[in-house]
């Protein structure tokens, strides 16, 4: 299976649109769509489909996807899990970040397309650095940005389209962890001029040719800031790049933390939105009016925008 993030014009667009929030969100698939490309496009969004994964010749087979396992580092970065029924086992899906004692931030497509492609009816999170059947899972209620729209093919890093790709998971119980901070309004517009080091954390597959079942280990790696648009920012590998399962993972200020047991995610600039598993990752910004209007419904935000 080739990567689905291709140059504009290779596929017709748009093909799929999804709008809604929480349990009432709905997805409309344009007439003539086929399951094969639908499954493939979910993977483009670093998604959560449980399908056999073939090697992707267009990406280096040994490229670092999210670099080294974190161990106890970044303890407030969570694995988003799901299941198809109350008595079914939990399985890895995407990545998220604790931003309040009972709220985890992730990408909107993690929720919308996990429901569509994997039939997930229930979501939860675990903060274990490596997921196992014995991992403690806290159940959650998902709320997707009400203006969320999915477009196929996904935007390239130089395309400033706004897909409102955000979701919050409200946990059934608060966590005894220090939440990450959110940026003040317009922060990235100023930060882009400073060009400081950035870190990406995710639970995605470790190599571009890995099976989707390899999701579930928290990893951290460095990225470089690229283009900055109103809705998104693009990054290039340094050497980390997003892939399947890294969706919703945080883009953090600063270099990787190296001391075991220290250094949770501090300020989250964006959540992983799309990637090609080889050359770029894009992140949905959290400091824009459209992001803050959604986040402020559930969170107290720096610079105003309180519940």
Protein backbone atom coordinates (compact mmCIF):
# COMPACT_ATOMS: atom_id res chain seq x y z
CA UNK A 1 0.00 0.00 0.00
CA UNK A 2 1.47 3.36 -1.02
CA UNK A 3 1.24 6.41 1.24
CA UNK A 4 -1.96 8.30 0.53
CA UNK A 5 -0.53 11.79 1.02
CA UNK A 6 0.04 12.51 -2.66
CA UNK A 7 0.38 15.70 -4.62
CA UNK A 8 -2.79 17.68 -5.25
CA UNK A 9 -4.83 16.39 -8.14
CA UNK A 10 -3.88 12.73 -7.79
CA UNK A 11 -7.28 12.06 -6.23
CA UNK A 12 -10.61 13.87 -6.49
CA UNK A 13 -11.43 16.15 -3.59
CA UNK A 14 -13.29 16.49 -1.39
CA UNK A 15 -14.49 12.91 -0.88
CA UNK A 16 -15.52 12.75 2.77
CA UNK A 17 -16.94 15.34 5.10
CA UNK A 18 -17.68 14.89 8.78
CA UNK A 19 -19.29 17.33 11.17
CA UNK A 20 -20.61 17.16 14.69
CA UNK A 21 -19.47 16.80 18.28
CA UNK A 22 -19.65 14.23 21.02
CA UNK A 23 -21.83 11.19 20.48
CA UNK A 24 -24.05 13.03 18.06
CA UNK A 25 -21.33 13.53 15.41
CA UNK A 26 -22.11 12.14 11.99
CA UNK A 27 -20.08 11.29 8.92
CA UNK A 28 -21.17 11.61 5.30
CA UNK A 29 -19.37 9.61 2.62
CA UNK A 30 -19.78 10.79 -0.93
CA UNK A 31 -21.55 8.45 -3.34
CA UNK A 32 -19.30 5.98 -5.09
CA UNK A 33 -16.79 5.69 -2.25
CA UNK A 34 -15.23 2.26 -1.71
CA UNK A 35 -13.99 0.70 1.53
CA UNK A 36 -10.48 0.10 0.14
CA UNK A 37 -9.60 3.74 -0.29
CA UNK A 38 -11.51 4.68 2.83
CA UNK A 39 -9.30 2.38 4.87
CA UNK A 40 -6.23 3.79 3.18
CA UNK A 41 -7.16 7.41 3.75
CA UNK A 42 -7.64 6.82 7.45
CA UNK A 43 -4.03 5.75 7.59
CA UNK A 44 -3.04 9.02 5.95
CA UNK A 45 -4.38 10.86 8.98
CA UNK A 46 -2.06 8.79 11.20
CA UNK A 47 -5.22 6.97 11.94
CA UNK A 48 -6.58 4.11 13.84
CA UNK A 49 -7.50 1.34 11.41
CA UNK A 50 -6.74 -2.27 12.26
CA UNK A 51 -5.76 -3.52 8.81
CA UNK A 52 -2.81 -5.58 7.55
CA UNK A 53 0.06 -3.17 6.87
CA UNK A 54 2.26 -3.74 3.85
CA UNK A 55 5.68 -2.05 3.56
CA UNK A 56 5.52 1.41 2.02
CA UNK A 57 8.31 1.58 -0.58
CA UNK A 58 8.08 5.37 -0.90
CA UNK A 59 9.36 5.85 2.66
CA UNK A 60 12.70 4.75 4.10
CA UNK A 61 12.16 1.32 5.72
CA UNK A 62 14.36 2.15 8.71
CA UNK A 63 13.33 5.77 9.28
CA UNK A 64 12.74 6.83 12.85
CA UNK A 65 9.07 7.59 13.30
CA UNK A 66 8.89 9.01 16.82
CA UNK A 67 12.45 8.21 17.92
CA UNK A 68 13.20 6.62 21.28
CA UNK A 69 10.78 5.11 23.82
CA UNK A 70 10.16 7.61 26.61
CA UNK A 71 9.89 5.28 29.59
CA UNK A 72 8.72 7.45 32.49
CA UNK A 73 9.28 10.70 30.58
CA UNK A 74 6.23 12.67 29.39
CA UNK A 75 3.88 10.96 31.87
CA UNK A 76 0.95 13.23 30.91
CA UNK A 77 0.99 12.08 27.28
CA UNK A 78 -1.65 9.37 26.91
CA UNK A 79 -2.51 6.53 24.59
CA UNK A 80 -6.09 6.89 23.36
CA UNK A 81 -7.72 3.45 23.28
CA UNK A 82 -11.09 2.18 22.16
CA UNK A 83 -13.31 -0.87 22.05
CA UNK A 84 -16.33 -2.05 20.09
CA UNK A 85 -18.44 -3.15 23.07
CA UNK A 86 -18.44 -2.92 26.85
CA UNK A 87 -17.12 -6.46 27.24
CA UNK A 88 -14.56 -6.20 24.42
CA UNK A 89 -10.83 -5.63 25.01
CA UNK A 90 -9.32 -2.18 24.69
CA UNK A 91 -7.01 -1.57 21.74
CA UNK A 92 -4.55 1.22 20.80
CA UNK A 93 -5.86 4.01 18.62
CA UNK A 94 -4.20 7.44 18.79
CA UNK A 95 -2.29 9.78 21.11
CA UNK A 96 -3.46 12.56 23.42
CA UNK A 97 -2.26 14.94 26.12
CA UNK A 98 -3.68 15.63 29.57
CA UNK A 99 -4.57 19.36 29.62
CA UNK A 100 -6.73 19.34 32.77
CA UNK A 101 -7.01 16.73 35.53
CA UNK A 102 -9.97 15.12 33.73
CA UNK A 103 -9.48 16.19 30.07
CA UNK A 104 -7.26 14.75 27.34
CA UNK A 105 -6.69 16.65 24.09
CA UNK A 106 -6.44 14.74 20.80
CA UNK A 107 -7.29 15.06 17.09
CA UNK A 108 -10.89 15.14 15.86
CA UNK A 109 -10.29 12.49 13.21
CA UNK A 110 -9.11 10.06 15.91
CA UNK A 111 -12.65 9.94 17.24
CA UNK A 112 -14.61 10.30 14.00
CA UNK A 113 -12.77 7.66 12.02
CA UNK A 114 -12.17 5.22 14.83
CA UNK A 115 -15.95 5.05 15.04
CA UNK A 116 -16.32 4.70 11.28
CA UNK A 117 -13.52 2.29 10.38
CA UNK A 118 -13.03 0.23 13.54
CA UNK A 119 -16.56 0.46 14.88
CA UNK A 120 -15.40 1.80 18.23
CA UNK A 121 -18.28 2.68 20.51
CA UNK A 122 -16.28 3.57 23.60
CA UNK A 123 -13.06 5.48 24.24
CA UNK A 124 -10.59 5.65 27.07
CA UNK A 125 -7.00 6.56 27.85
CA UNK A 126 -4.03 4.98 29.54
CA UNK A 127 -0.84 6.72 30.65
CA UNK A 128 1.27 3.56 30.68
CA UNK A 129 4.40 4.11 28.56
CA UNK A 130 3.85 0.72 26.91
CA UNK A 131 0.32 -0.57 26.40
CA UNK A 132 -0.56 -4.07 27.59
CA UNK A 133 -3.77 -5.97 28.26
CA UNK A 134 -3.17 -5.23 31.95
CA UNK A 135 -2.86 -1.44 31.44
CA UNK A 136 -5.17 0.70 33.54
CA UNK A 137 -7.71 2.37 31.25
CA UNK A 138 -9.89 5.31 32.28
CA UNK A 139 -13.07 5.63 30.24
CA UNK A 140 -13.88 8.91 28.55
CA UNK A 141 -16.60 10.79 26.67
CA UNK A 142 -15.44 12.24 23.36
CA UNK A 143 -16.29 15.74 22.12
CA UNK A 144 -15.22 16.68 18.58
CA UNK A 145 -14.89 20.28 17.37
CA UNK A 146 -18.39 21.11 16.05
CA UNK A 147 -16.94 22.40 12.75
CA UNK A 148 -14.66 19.42 12.13
CA UNK A 149 -14.47 18.49 8.43
CA UNK A 150 -12.50 15.64 6.88
CA UNK A 151 -11.07 16.21 3.40
CA UNK A 152 -9.49 13.62 1.15
CA UNK A 153 -6.71 13.73 0.20
CA UNK A 154 -5.39 15.35 3.33
CA UNK A 155 -3.75 18.77 3.00
CA UNK A 156 -0.04 18.99 2.35
CA UNK A 157 2.11 21.13 4.66
CA UNK A 158 1.84 24.15 2.31
CA UNK A 159 -1.97 24.01 2.17
CA UNK A 160 -3.57 26.31 4.79
CA UNK A 161 -7.03 24.72 4.71
CA UNK A 162 -8.79 24.57 8.11
CA UNK A 163 -10.31 21.22 9.04
CA UNK A 164 -10.96 22.03 12.75
CA UNK A 165 -9.22 18.76 13.64
CA UNK A 166 -9.59 18.80 17.44
CA UNK A 167 -11.31 16.66 20.06
CA UNK A 168 -11.40 16.48 23.85
CA UNK A 169 -11.89 13.36 25.93
CA UNK A 170 -13.58 14.06 29.25
CA UNK A 171 -12.41 11.35 31.65
CA UNK A 172 -14.67 9.56 34.10
CA UNK A 173 -12.20 10.39 36.88
CA UNK A 174 -9.38 12.94 37.32
CA UNK A 175 -5.75 11.92 36.99
CA UNK A 176 -3.07 12.52 39.62
CA UNK A 177 -0.74 14.00 37.01
CA UNK A 178 0.38 17.53 36.15
CA UNK A 179 -1.51 18.67 33.04
CA UNK A 180 0.26 20.30 30.13
CA UNK A 181 -0.16 23.99 29.39
CA UNK A 182 -1.89 25.49 26.36
CA UNK A 183 -0.40 28.46 24.49
CA UNK A 184 -1.66 32.05 24.73
CA UNK A 185 -3.41 33.57 21.69
CA UNK A 186 -1.24 33.86 18.59
CA UNK A 187 1.80 32.37 20.29
CA UNK A 188 3.05 30.44 17.26
CA UNK A 189 3.11 33.55 15.08
CA UNK A 190 5.80 34.95 17.39
CA UNK A 191 7.54 31.64 18.16
CA UNK A 192 8.09 30.97 14.46
CA UNK A 193 10.54 33.86 14.33
CA UNK A 194 12.60 32.35 17.16
CA UNK A 195 12.90 28.95 15.49
CA UNK A 196 13.60 27.05 18.72
CA UNK A 197 13.80 23.25 19.15
CA UNK A 198 10.57 21.26 19.14
CA UNK A 199 9.62 17.77 20.36
CA UNK A 200 6.92 15.41 19.12
CA UNK A 201 5.52 12.64 21.36
CA UNK A 202 3.30 9.80 20.13
CA UNK A 203 2.29 6.16 20.52
CA UNK A 204 2.54 5.36 16.82
CA UNK A 205 4.32 2.62 14.91
CA UNK A 206 8.14 2.73 15.24
CA UNK A 207 8.98 2.26 11.54
CA UNK A 208 7.23 3.03 8.28
CA UNK A 209 7.08 -0.69 7.44
CA UNK A 210 5.78 -1.81 10.86
CA UNK A 211 2.44 -3.54 11.30
CA UNK A 212 -0.35 -1.37 12.67
CA UNK A 213 -0.37 -3.62 15.72
CA UNK A 214 2.96 -2.07 16.72
CA UNK A 215 1.14 0.99 18.04
CA UNK A 216 1.22 1.41 21.80
CA UNK A 217 4.71 2.51 22.92
CA UNK A 218 5.21 6.16 23.88
CA UNK A 219 8.11 7.66 21.93
CA UNK A 220 9.61 11.14 21.64
CA UNK A 221 11.70 12.73 18.94
CA UNK A 222 12.79 16.06 17.53
CA UNK A 223 11.22 17.97 14.65
CA UNK A 224 11.92 21.29 12.93
CA UNK A 225 9.34 23.98 12.41
CA UNK A 226 8.36 24.57 8.80
CA UNK A 227 5.47 26.56 7.38
CA UNK A 228 3.12 28.36 9.78
CA UNK A 229 -0.47 28.96 8.65
CA UNK A 230 -3.53 30.17 10.51
CA UNK A 231 -4.90 26.66 11.16
CA UNK A 232 -1.78 24.43 11.05
CA UNK A 233 2.00 24.26 11.20
CA UNK A 234 4.21 21.91 9.25
CA UNK A 235 7.34 20.23 10.60
CA UNK A 236 10.19 18.28 9.04
CA UNK A 237 12.02 15.33 10.63
CA UNK A 238 14.96 15.97 12.93
CA UNK A 239 14.74 12.94 12.75
CA UNK A 240 11.19 12.25 14.04
CA UNK A 241 8.11 12.10 11.83
CA UNK A 242 4.52 11.07 12.54
CA UNK A 243 2.90 7.87 11.37
CA UNK A 244 0.03 5.50 12.22
CA UNK A 245 -1.08 5.97 15.84
CA UNK A 246 0.67 9.32 16.41
CA UNK A 247 -2.47 11.33 15.60
CA UNK A 248 -3.36 13.79 18.34
CA UNK A 249 0.16 13.70 19.79
CA UNK A 250 1.58 16.96 21.12
CA UNK A 251 4.03 19.34 19.48
CA UNK A 252 6.04 20.69 22.40
CA UNK A 253 8.42 23.59 22.91
CA UNK A 254 12.02 22.68 23.57
CA UNK A 255 14.33 19.68 23.10
CA UNK A 256 13.56 16.22 24.40
CA UNK A 257 13.68 15.66 28.16
CA UNK A 258 16.41 13.18 28.99
CA UNK A 259 16.02 12.47 32.70
CA UNK A 260 13.94 9.39 33.47
CA UNK A 261 10.88 10.13 35.56
CA UNK A 262 10.99 13.85 34.81
CA UNK A 263 9.68 16.19 32.19
CA UNK A 264 6.02 15.91 31.36
CA UNK A 265 4.67 17.74 28.36
CA UNK A 266 4.78 21.43 29.25
CA UNK A 267 3.35 23.72 26.55
CA UNK A 268 1.45 22.04 23.70
CA UNK A 269 1.56 24.11 20.50
CA UNK A 270 -0.54 21.74 18.38
CA UNK A 271 -1.82 18.20 17.92
CA UNK A 272 -0.62 15.86 15.17
CA UNK A 273 -2.98 16.13 12.22
CA UNK A 274 -1.42 14.47 9.15
CA UNK A 275 1.87 12.98 7.94
CA UNK A 276 3.45 10.85 5.25
CA UNK A 277 5.56 8.70 7.61
CA UNK A 278 8.73 9.97 5.97
CA UNK A 279 9.11 13.67 5.20
CA UNK A 280 6.62 15.81 7.14
CA UNK A 281 4.10 16.03 9.97
CA UNK A 282 1.47 18.75 10.30
CA UNK A 283 -0.04 19.87 13.59
CA UNK A 284 -3.34 21.62 14.22
CA UNK A 285 -2.65 24.85 16.11
CA UNK A 286 -4.11 25.50 19.56
CA UNK A 287 -3.49 29.26 19.72
CA UNK A 288 -5.95 30.38 17.03
CA UNK A 289 -9.45 31.84 17.58
CA UNK A 290 -11.14 28.80 16.01
CA UNK A 291 -9.25 26.38 18.26
CA UNK A 292 -9.68 28.49 21.39
CA UNK A 293 -13.42 28.92 20.89
CA UNK A 294 -13.78 25.13 21.12
CA UNK A 295 -11.23 24.55 23.87
CA UNK A 296 -12.64 27.39 25.96
CA UNK A 297 -15.95 25.56 26.22
CA UNK A 298 -14.25 22.99 28.44
CA UNK A 299 -11.04 24.63 29.70
CA UNK A 300 -9.71 27.82 31.23
CA UNK A 301 -7.34 29.24 28.63
CA UNK A 302 -4.29 31.48 29.02
CA UNK A 303 -5.04 35.00 27.92
CA UNK A 304 -8.79 34.63 28.48
CA UNK A 305 -11.38 32.36 26.92
CA UNK A 306 -12.65 30.77 30.10
CA UNK A 307 -15.56 28.43 30.40
